[in-house]
């Protein structure tokens, strides 16, 4: 988990830096399409973080729940998250 956690934090910090850049772009009245391109890149980066976290959750927490006989609860929880996407 530690390696995955480091990857997640690293990717989030990169996204944070990009978001701060977008704020500066808006403040400086940058070209709208350039701002949108940056925002799309941020959204893609965050989607990748979502996938990394979900994959780790499936490999750890869900796997543990299944071993403990709580597969229905684990599946329901994951499905609720996927419905929000």
PDB file of N, CA and C in Angstrom:
ATOM      1  N   UNK A   1       0.834  -1.210   0.000  1.00  0.00           N
ATOM      2  CA  UNK A   1       0.000   0.000   0.000  1.00  0.00           C
ATOM      3  C   UNK A   1       0.864   1.254   0.000  1.00  0.00           C
ATOM      4  N   UNK A   2       2.007   1.198   0.646  1.00  0.00           N
ATOM      5  CA  UNK A   2       2.841   2.399   0.764  1.00  0.00           C
ATOM      6  C   UNK A   2       3.245   2.934  -0.607  1.00  0.00           C
ATOM      7  N   UNK A   3       3.624   2.029  -1.527  1.00  0.00           N
ATOM      8  CA  UNK A   3       4.010   2.460  -2.869  1.00  0.00           C
ATOM      9  C   UNK A   3       2.820   3.080  -3.577  1.00  0.00           C
ATOM     10  N   UNK A   4       1.664   2.446  -3.466  1.00  0.00           N
ATOM     11  CA  UNK A   4       0.451   2.971  -4.103  1.00  0.00           C
ATOM     12  C   UNK A   4       0.103   4.326  -3.501  1.00  0.00           C
ATOM     13  N   UNK A   5       0.215   4.439  -2.197  1.00  0.00           N
ATOM     14  CA  UNK A   5      -0.077   5.709  -1.526  1.00  0.00           C
ATOM     15  C   UNK A   5       0.843   6.812  -2.042  1.00  0.00           C
ATOM     16  N   UNK A   6       2.100   6.500  -2.205  1.00  0.00           N
ATOM     17  CA  UNK A   6       3.059   7.487  -2.724  1.00  0.00           C
ATOM     18  C   UNK A   6       2.695   7.892  -4.144  1.00  0.00           C
ATOM     19  N   UNK A   7       2.284   6.920  -4.955  1.00  0.00           N
ATOM     20  CA  UNK A   7       1.872   7.218  -6.333  1.00  0.00           C
ATOM     21  C   UNK A   7       0.650   8.135  -6.344  1.00  0.00           C
ATOM     22  N   UNK A   8      -0.303   7.838  -5.484  1.00  0.00           N
ATOM     23  CA  UNK A   8      -1.530   8.637  -5.411  1.00  0.00           C
ATOM     24  C   UNK A   8      -1.202  10.069  -4.993  1.00  0.00           C
ATOM     25  N   UNK A   9      -0.408  10.209  -3.955  1.00  0.00           N
ATOM     26  CA  UNK A   9      -0.042  11.551  -3.471  1.00  0.00           C
ATOM     27  C   UNK A   9       0.722  12.307  -4.549  1.00  0.00           C
ATOM     28  N   UNK A  10       1.634  11.635  -5.223  1.00  0.00           N
ATOM     29  CA  UNK A  10       2.404  12.280  -6.290  1.00  0.00           C
ATOM     30  C   UNK A  10       1.485  12.795  -7.398  1.00  0.00           C
ATOM     31  N   UNK A  11       0.567  11.960  -7.832  1.00  0.00           N
ATOM     32  CA  UNK A  11      -0.353  12.353  -8.905  1.00  0.00           C
ATOM     33  C   UNK A  11      -1.283  13.478  -8.464  1.00  0.00           C
ATOM     34  N   UNK A  12      -1.727  13.439  -7.224  1.00  0.00           N
ATOM     35  CA  UNK A  12      -2.598  14.506  -6.720  1.00  0.00           C
ATOM     36  C   UNK A  12      -1.848  15.835  -6.636  1.00  0.00           C
ATOM     37  N   UNK A  13      -0.586  15.788  -6.229  1.00  0.00           N
ATOM     38  CA  UNK A  13       0.213  17.013  -6.163  1.00  0.00           C
ATOM     39  C   UNK A  13       0.442  17.603  -7.546  1.00  0.00           C
ATOM     40  N   UNK A  14       0.642  16.742  -8.532  1.00  0.00           N
ATOM     41  CA  UNK A  14       0.778  17.222  -9.910  1.00  0.00           C
ATOM     42  C   UNK A  14      -0.524  17.891 -10.340  1.00  0.00           C
ATOM     43  N   UNK A  15      -1.651  17.244 -10.046  1.00  0.00           N
ATOM     44  CA  UNK A  15      -2.954  17.821 -10.407  1.00  0.00           C
ATOM     45  C   UNK A  15      -3.166  19.156  -9.708  1.00  0.00           C
ATOM     46  N   UNK A  16      -2.764  19.233  -8.453  1.00  0.00           N
ATOM     47  CA  UNK A  16      -2.885  20.481  -7.694  1.00  0.00           C
ATOM     48  C   UNK A  16      -2.079  21.585  -8.359  1.00  0.00           C
ATOM     49  N   UNK A  17      -0.878  21.273  -8.792  1.00  0.00           N
ATOM     50  CA  UNK A  17      -0.048  22.257  -9.485  1.00  0.00           C
ATOM     51  C   UNK A  17      -0.701  22.740 -10.765  1.00  0.00           C
ATOM     52  N   UNK A  18      -1.274  21.810 -11.509  1.00  0.00           N
ATOM     53  CA  UNK A  18      -1.969  22.180 -12.748  1.00  0.00           C
ATOM     54  C   UNK A  18      -3.184  23.060 -12.447  1.00  0.00           C
ATOM     55  N   UNK A  19      -3.906  22.730 -11.386  1.00  0.00           N
ATOM     56  CA  UNK A  19      -5.080  23.523 -11.021  1.00  0.00           C
ATOM     57  C   UNK A  19      -4.669  24.950 -10.629  1.00  0.00           C
ATOM     58  N   UNK A  20      -3.577  25.059  -9.888  1.00  0.00           N
ATOM     59  CA  UNK A  20      -3.085  26.391  -9.530  1.00  0.00           C
ATOM     60  C   UNK A  20      -2.713  27.181 -10.782  1.00  0.00           C
ATOM     61  N   UNK A  21      -2.148  26.497 -11.777  1.00  0.00           N
ATOM     62  CA  UNK A  21      -1.810  27.143 -13.051  1.00  0.00           C
ATOM     63  C   UNK A  21      -3.084  27.629 -13.752  1.00  0.00           C
ATOM     64  N   UNK A  22      -4.131  26.818 -13.713  1.00  0.00           N
ATOM     65  CA  UNK A  22      -5.395  27.208 -14.349  1.00  0.00           C
ATOM     66  C   UNK A  22      -5.973  28.448 -13.655  1.00  0.00           C
ATOM     67  N   UNK A  23      -5.892  28.487 -12.350  1.00  0.00           N
ATOM     68  CA  UNK A  23      -6.380  29.666 -11.612  1.00  0.00           C
ATOM     69  C   UNK A  23      -5.632  30.908 -12.072  1.00  0.00           C
ATOM     70  N   UNK A  24      -4.320  30.771 -12.225  1.00  0.00           N
ATOM     71  CA  UNK A  24      -3.524  31.902 -12.709  1.00  0.00           C
ATOM     72  C   UNK A  24      -3.932  32.293 -14.127  1.00  0.00           C
ATOM     73  N   UNK A  25      -4.196  31.309 -14.948  1.00  0.00           N
ATOM     74  CA  UNK A  25      -4.620  31.578 -16.322  1.00  0.00           C
ATOM     75  C   UNK A  25      -5.922  32.371 -16.340  1.00  0.00           C
ATOM     76  N   UNK A  26      -6.869  31.976 -15.499  1.00  0.00           N
ATOM     77  CA  UNK A  26      -8.156  32.679 -15.433  1.00  0.00           C
ATOM     78  C   UNK A  26      -7.943  34.105 -14.936  1.00  0.00           C
ATOM     79  N   UNK A  27      -7.116  34.243 -13.899  1.00  0.00           N
ATOM     80  CA  UNK A  27      -6.846  35.576 -13.350  1.00  0.00           C
ATOM     81  C   UNK A  27      -6.208  36.492 -14.392  1.00  0.00           C
ATOM     82  N   UNK A  28      -5.411  35.906 -15.284  1.00  0.00           N
ATOM     83  CA  UNK A  28      -4.713  36.695 -16.305  1.00  0.00           C
ATOM     84  C   UNK A  28      -5.482  36.757 -17.612  1.00  0.00           C
ATOM     85  N   UNK A  29      -6.733  36.294 -17.591  1.00  0.00           N
ATOM     86  CA  UNK A  29      -7.584  36.325 -18.784  1.00  0.00           C
ATOM     87  C   UNK A  29      -6.971  35.586 -19.967  1.00  0.00           C
ATOM     88  N   UNK A  30      -6.438  34.402 -19.697  1.00  0.00           N
ATOM     89  CA  UNK A  30      -5.867  33.590 -20.766  1.00  0.00           C
ATOM     90  C   UNK A  30      -6.971  33.163 -21.731  1.00  0.00           C
ATOM     91  N   UNK A  31      -6.567  32.739 -22.889  1.00  0.00           N
ATOM     92  CA  UNK A  31      -7.489  32.299 -23.928  1.00  0.00           C
ATOM     93  C   UNK A  31      -8.320  31.125 -23.398  1.00  0.00           C
ATOM     94  N   UNK A  32      -9.626  31.227 -23.546  1.00  0.00           N
ATOM     95  CA  UNK A  32     -10.564  30.259 -22.963  1.00  0.00           C
ATOM     96  C   UNK A  32     -10.257  28.821 -23.365  1.00  0.00           C
ATOM     97  N   UNK A  33      -9.956  28.603 -24.616  1.00  0.00           N
ATOM     98  CA  UNK A  33      -9.697  27.244 -25.086  1.00  0.00           C
ATOM     99  C   UNK A  33      -8.440  26.671 -24.420  1.00  0.00           C
ATOM    100  N   UNK A  34      -7.449  27.511 -24.185  1.00  0.00           N
ATOM    101  CA  UNK A  34      -6.251  27.053 -23.480  1.00  0.00           C
ATOM    102  C   UNK A  34      -6.599  26.617 -22.059  1.00  0.00           C
ATOM    103  N   UNK A  35      -7.485  27.349 -21.425  1.00  0.00           N
ATOM    104  CA  UNK A  35      -7.930  27.000 -20.073  1.00  0.00           C
ATOM    105  C   UNK A  35      -8.674  25.672 -20.093  1.00  0.00           C
ATOM    106  N   UNK A  36      -9.560  25.520 -21.053  1.00  0.00           N
ATOM    107  CA  UNK A  36     -10.331  24.278 -21.162  1.00  0.00           C
ATOM    108  C   UNK A  36      -9.398  23.084 -21.383  1.00  0.00           C
ATOM    109  N   UNK A  37      -8.388  23.251 -22.222  1.00  0.00           N
ATOM    110  CA  UNK A  37      -7.428  22.165 -22.446  1.00  0.00           C
ATOM    111  C   UNK A  37      -6.738  21.767 -21.138  1.00  0.00           C
ATOM    112  N   UNK A  38      -6.351  22.742 -20.359  1.00  0.00           N
ATOM    113  CA  UNK A  38      -5.710  22.454 -19.081  1.00  0.00           C
ATOM    114  C   UNK A  38      -6.675  21.748 -18.127  1.00  0.00           C
ATOM    115  N   UNK A  39      -7.924  22.207 -18.111  1.00  0.00           N
ATOM    116  CA  UNK A  39      -8.921  21.574 -17.243  1.00  0.00           C
ATOM    117  C   UNK A  39      -9.189  20.129 -17.651  1.00  0.00           C
ATOM    118  N   UNK A  40      -9.214  19.867 -18.937  1.00  0.00           N
ATOM    119  CA  UNK A  40      -9.404  18.496 -19.410  1.00  0.00           C
ATOM    120  C   UNK A  40      -8.239  17.609 -18.984  1.00  0.00           C
ATOM    121  N   UNK A  41      -7.035  18.153 -19.017  1.00  0.00           N
ATOM    122  CA  UNK A  41      -5.861  17.396 -18.576  1.00  0.00           C
ATOM    123  C   UNK A  41      -5.955  17.077 -17.083  1.00  0.00           C
ATOM    124  N   UNK A  42      -6.417  18.035 -16.304  1.00  0.00           N
ATOM    125  CA  UNK A  42      -6.580  17.823 -14.860  1.00  0.00           C
ATOM    126  C   UNK A  42      -7.632  16.745 -14.606  1.00  0.00           C
ATOM    127  N   UNK A  43      -8.747  16.828 -15.315  1.00  0.00           N
ATOM    128  CA  UNK A  43      -9.801  15.832 -15.135  1.00  0.00           C
ATOM    129  C   UNK A  43      -9.305  14.440 -15.490  1.00  0.00           C
ATOM    130  N   UNK A  44      -8.516  14.328 -16.534  1.00  0.00           N
ATOM    131  CA  UNK A  44      -7.958  13.044 -16.925  1.00  0.00           C
ATOM    132  C   UNK A  44      -7.007  12.523 -15.851  1.00  0.00           C
ATOM    133  N   UNK A  45      -6.183  13.395 -15.312  1.00  0.00           N
ATOM    134  CA  UNK A  45      -5.247  12.998 -14.254  1.00  0.00           C
ATOM    135  C   UNK A  45      -6.008  12.522 -13.022  1.00  0.00           C
ATOM    136  N   UNK A  46      -7.068  13.221 -12.657  1.00  0.00           N
ATOM    137  CA  UNK A  46      -7.862  12.825 -11.494  1.00  0.00           C
ATOM    138  C   UNK A  46      -8.588  11.507 -11.744  1.00  0.00           C
ATOM    139  N   UNK A  47      -9.020  11.299 -12.964  1.00  0.00           N
ATOM    140  CA  UNK A  47      -9.661  10.024 -13.313  1.00  0.00           C
ATOM    141  C   UNK A  47      -8.665   8.881 -13.123  1.00  0.00           C
ATOM    142  N   UNK A  48      -7.425   9.111 -13.512  1.00  0.00           N
ATOM    143  CA  UNK A  48      -6.392   8.097 -13.328  1.00  0.00           C
ATOM    144  C   UNK A  48      -6.157   7.808 -11.847  1.00  0.00           C
ATOM    145  N   UNK A  49      -6.217   8.840 -11.019  1.00  0.00           N
ATOM    146  CA  UNK A  49      -6.083   8.650  -9.575  1.00  0.00           C
ATOM    147  C   UNK A  49      -7.261   7.831  -9.053  1.00  0.00           C
ATOM    148  N   UNK A  50      -8.465   8.152  -9.515  1.00  0.00           N
ATOM    149  CA  UNK A  50      -9.654   7.368  -9.134  1.00  0.00           C
ATOM    150  C   UNK A  50      -9.436   5.890  -9.428  1.00  0.00           C
ATOM    151  N   UNK A  51      -8.952   5.609 -10.625  1.00  0.00           N
ATOM    152  CA  UNK A  51      -8.763   4.227 -11.042  1.00  0.00           C
ATOM    153  C   UNK A  51      -7.707   3.532 -10.188  1.00  0.00           C
ATOM    154  N   UNK A  52      -6.641   4.241  -9.866  1.00  0.00           N
ATOM    155  CA  UNK A  52      -5.593   3.673  -9.029  1.00  0.00           C
ATOM    156  C   UNK A  52      -6.117   3.351  -7.631  1.00  0.00           C
ATOM    157  N   UNK A  53      -6.880   4.273  -7.071  1.00  0.00           N
ATOM    158  CA  UNK A  53      -7.456   4.040  -5.737  1.00  0.00           C
ATOM    159  C   UNK A  53      -8.448   2.894  -5.768  1.00  0.00           C
ATOM    160  N   UNK A  54      -9.303   2.862  -6.780  1.00  0.00           N
ATOM    161  CA  UNK A  54     -10.295   1.787  -6.874  1.00  0.00           C
ATOM    162  C   UNK A  54      -9.618   0.430  -7.057  1.00  0.00           C
ATOM    163  N   UNK A  55      -8.609   0.373  -7.900  1.00  0.00           N
ATOM    164  CA  UNK A  55      -7.878  -0.879  -8.099  1.00  0.00           C
ATOM    165  C   UNK A  55      -7.265  -1.357  -6.779  1.00  0.00           C
ATOM    166  N   UNK A  56      -6.654  -0.439  -6.050  1.00  0.00           N
ATOM    167  CA  UNK A  56      -6.062  -0.801  -4.766  1.00  0.00           C
ATOM    168  C   UNK A  56      -7.143  -1.273  -3.785  1.00  0.00           C
ATOM    169  N   UNK A  57      -8.277  -0.599  -3.801  1.00  0.00           N
ATOM    170  CA  UNK A  57      -9.388  -0.987  -2.920  1.00  0.00           C
ATOM    171  C   UNK A  57      -9.858  -2.411  -3.232  1.00  0.00           C
ATOM    172  N   UNK A  58      -9.967  -2.712  -4.521  1.00  0.00           N
ATOM    173  CA  UNK A  58     -10.404  -4.051  -4.917  1.00  0.00           C
ATOM    174  C   UNK A  58      -9.399  -5.112  -4.484  1.00  0.00           C
ATOM    175  N   UNK A  59      -8.120  -4.797  -4.632  1.00  0.00           N
ATOM    176  CA  UNK A  59      -7.075  -5.762  -4.286  1.00  0.00           C
ATOM    177  C   UNK A  59      -6.918  -5.957  -2.781  1.00  0.00           C
ATOM    178  N   UNK A  60      -7.297  -4.965  -2.008  1.00  0.00           N
ATOM    179  CA  UNK A  60      -7.077  -5.052  -0.562  1.00  0.00           C
ATOM    180  C   UNK A  60      -8.390  -5.195   0.191  1.00  0.00           C
ATOM    181  N   UNK A  61      -9.121  -4.136   0.319  1.00  0.00           N
ATOM    182  CA  UNK A  61     -10.333  -4.113   1.150  1.00  0.00           C
ATOM    183  C   UNK A  61     -11.405  -5.084   0.661  1.00  0.00           C
ATOM    184  N   UNK A  62     -11.672  -5.060  -0.633  1.00  0.00           N
ATOM    185  CA  UNK A  62     -12.717  -5.946  -1.171  1.00  0.00           C
ATOM    186  C   UNK A  62     -12.282  -7.400  -1.040  1.00  0.00           C
ATOM    187  N   UNK A  63     -11.031  -7.657  -1.356  1.00  0.00           N
ATOM    188  CA  UNK A  63     -10.507  -9.016  -1.213  1.00  0.00           C
ATOM    189  C   UNK A  63     -10.652  -9.506   0.226  1.00  0.00           C
ATOM    190  N   UNK A  64     -10.303  -8.670   1.185  1.00  0.00           N
ATOM    191  CA  UNK A  64     -10.439  -9.024   2.607  1.00  0.00           C
ATOM    192  C   UNK A  64     -11.905  -9.275   2.973  1.00  0.00           C
ATOM    193  N   UNK A  65     -12.792  -8.425   2.460  1.00  0.00           N
ATOM    194  CA  UNK A  65     -14.223  -8.593   2.753  1.00  0.00           C
ATOM    195  C   UNK A  65     -14.746  -9.914   2.216  1.00  0.00           C
ATOM    196  N   UNK A  66     -14.314 -10.273   1.024  1.00  0.00           N
ATOM    197  CA  UNK A  66     -14.750 -11.542   0.431  1.00  0.00           C
ATOM    198  C   UNK A  66     -14.254 -12.708   1.275  1.00  0.00           C
ATOM    199  N   UNK A  67     -13.005 -12.634   1.710  1.00  0.00           N
ATOM    200  CA  UNK A  67     -12.442 -13.702   2.558  1.00  0.00           C
ATOM    201  C   UNK A  67     -13.199 -13.829   3.884  1.00  0.00           C
ATOM    202  N   UNK A  68     -13.776 -12.719   4.340  1.00  0.00           N
ATOM    203  CA  UNK A  68     -14.523 -12.722   5.604  1.00  0.00           C
ATOM    204  C   UNK A  68     -16.003 -13.052   5.389  1.00  0.00           C
ATOM    205  N   UNK A  69     -16.369 -13.378   4.155  1.00  0.00           N
ATOM    206  CA  UNK A  69     -17.753 -13.730   3.872  1.00  0.00           C
ATOM    207  C   UNK A  69     -18.674 -12.528   3.703  1.00  0.00           C
ATOM    208  N   UNK A  70     -18.118 -11.380   3.443  1.00  0.00           N
ATOM    209  CA  UNK A  70     -18.907 -10.148   3.298  1.00  0.00           C
ATOM    210  C   UNK A  70     -18.889  -9.654   1.852  1.00  0.00           C
ATOM    211  N   UNK A  71     -18.974 -10.573   0.915  1.00  0.00           N
ATOM    212  CA  UNK A  71     -18.857 -10.191  -0.496  1.00  0.00           C
ATOM    213  C   UNK A  71     -20.005  -9.305  -0.964  1.00  0.00           C
ATOM    214  N   UNK A  72     -21.216  -9.575  -0.507  1.00  0.00           N
ATOM    215  CA  UNK A  72     -22.365  -8.768  -0.939  1.00  0.00           C
ATOM    216  C   UNK A  72     -22.199  -7.306  -0.544  1.00  0.00           C
ATOM    217  N   UNK A  73     -21.754  -7.064   0.683  1.00  0.00           N
ATOM    218  CA  UNK A  73     -21.552  -5.691   1.154  1.00  0.00           C
ATOM    219  C   UNK A  73     -20.458  -4.998   0.338  1.00  0.00           C
ATOM    220  N   UNK A  74     -19.379  -5.722   0.068  1.00  0.00           N
ATOM    221  CA  UNK A  74     -18.260  -5.153  -0.686  1.00  0.00           C
ATOM    222  C   UNK A  74     -18.691  -4.807  -2.108  1.00  0.00           C
ATOM    223  N   UNK A  75     -19.432  -5.700  -2.728  1.00  0.00           N
ATOM    224  CA  UNK A  75     -19.906  -5.457  -4.095  1.00  0.00           C
ATOM    225  C   UNK A  75     -20.852  -4.267  -4.125  1.00  0.00           C
ATOM    226  N   UNK A  76     -21.761  -4.219  -3.175  1.00  0.00           N
ATOM    227  CA  UNK A  76     -22.719  -3.110  -3.105  1.00  0.00           C
ATOM    228  C   UNK A  76     -21.996  -1.773  -2.965  1.00  0.00           C
ATOM    229  N   UNK A  77     -20.990  -1.736  -2.110  1.00  0.00           N
ATOM    230  CA  UNK A  77     -20.234  -0.498  -1.895  1.00  0.00           C
ATOM    231  C   UNK A  77     -19.558  -0.029  -3.187  1.00  0.00           C
ATOM    232  N   UNK A  78     -18.921  -0.939  -3.887  1.00  0.00           N
ATOM    233  CA  UNK A  78     -18.233  -0.585  -5.132  1.00  0.00           C
ATOM    234  C   UNK A  78     -19.245  -0.152  -6.189  1.00  0.00           C
ATOM    235  N   UNK A  79     -20.345  -0.839  -6.272  1.00  0.00           N
ATOM    236  CA  UNK A  79     -21.371  -0.491  -7.259  1.00  0.00           C
ATOM    237  C   UNK A  79     -21.930   0.905  -6.996  1.00  0.00           C
ATOM    238  N   UNK A  80     -22.106   1.280  -5.750  1.00  0.00           N
ATOM    239  CA  UNK A  80     -22.591   2.631  -5.417  1.00  0.00           C
ATOM    240  C   UNK A  80     -21.612   3.692  -5.914  1.00  0.00           C
ATOM    241  N   UNK A  81     -20.333   3.424  -5.765  1.00  0.00           N
ATOM    242  CA  UNK A  81     -19.322   4.367  -6.258  1.00  0.00           C
ATOM    243  C   UNK A  81     -19.391   4.471  -7.769  1.00  0.00           C
ATOM    244  N   UNK A  82     -19.497   3.331  -8.432  1.00  0.00           N
ATOM    245  CA  UNK A  82     -19.531   3.339  -9.906  1.00  0.00           C
ATOM    246  C   UNK A  82     -20.770   4.031 -10.443  1.00  0.00           C
ATOM    247  N   UNK A  83     -21.873   3.956  -9.715  1.00  0.00           N
ATOM    248  CA  UNK A  83     -23.103   4.638 -10.150  1.00  0.00           C
ATOM    249  C   UNK A  83     -22.953   6.156 -10.124  1.00  0.00           C
ATOM    250  N   UNK A  84     -22.067   6.660  -9.293  1.00  0.00           N
ATOM    251  CA  UNK A  84     -21.868   8.112  -9.190  1.00  0.00           C
ATOM    252  C   UNK A  84     -21.020   8.670 -10.308  1.00  0.00           C
ATOM    253  N   UNK A  85     -20.347   7.795 -11.032  1.00  0.00           N
ATOM    254  CA  UNK A  85     -19.446   8.247 -12.106  1.00  0.00           C
ATOM    255  C   UNK A  85     -20.217   8.726 -13.306  1.00  0.00           C
TER     256      UNK A  85
END
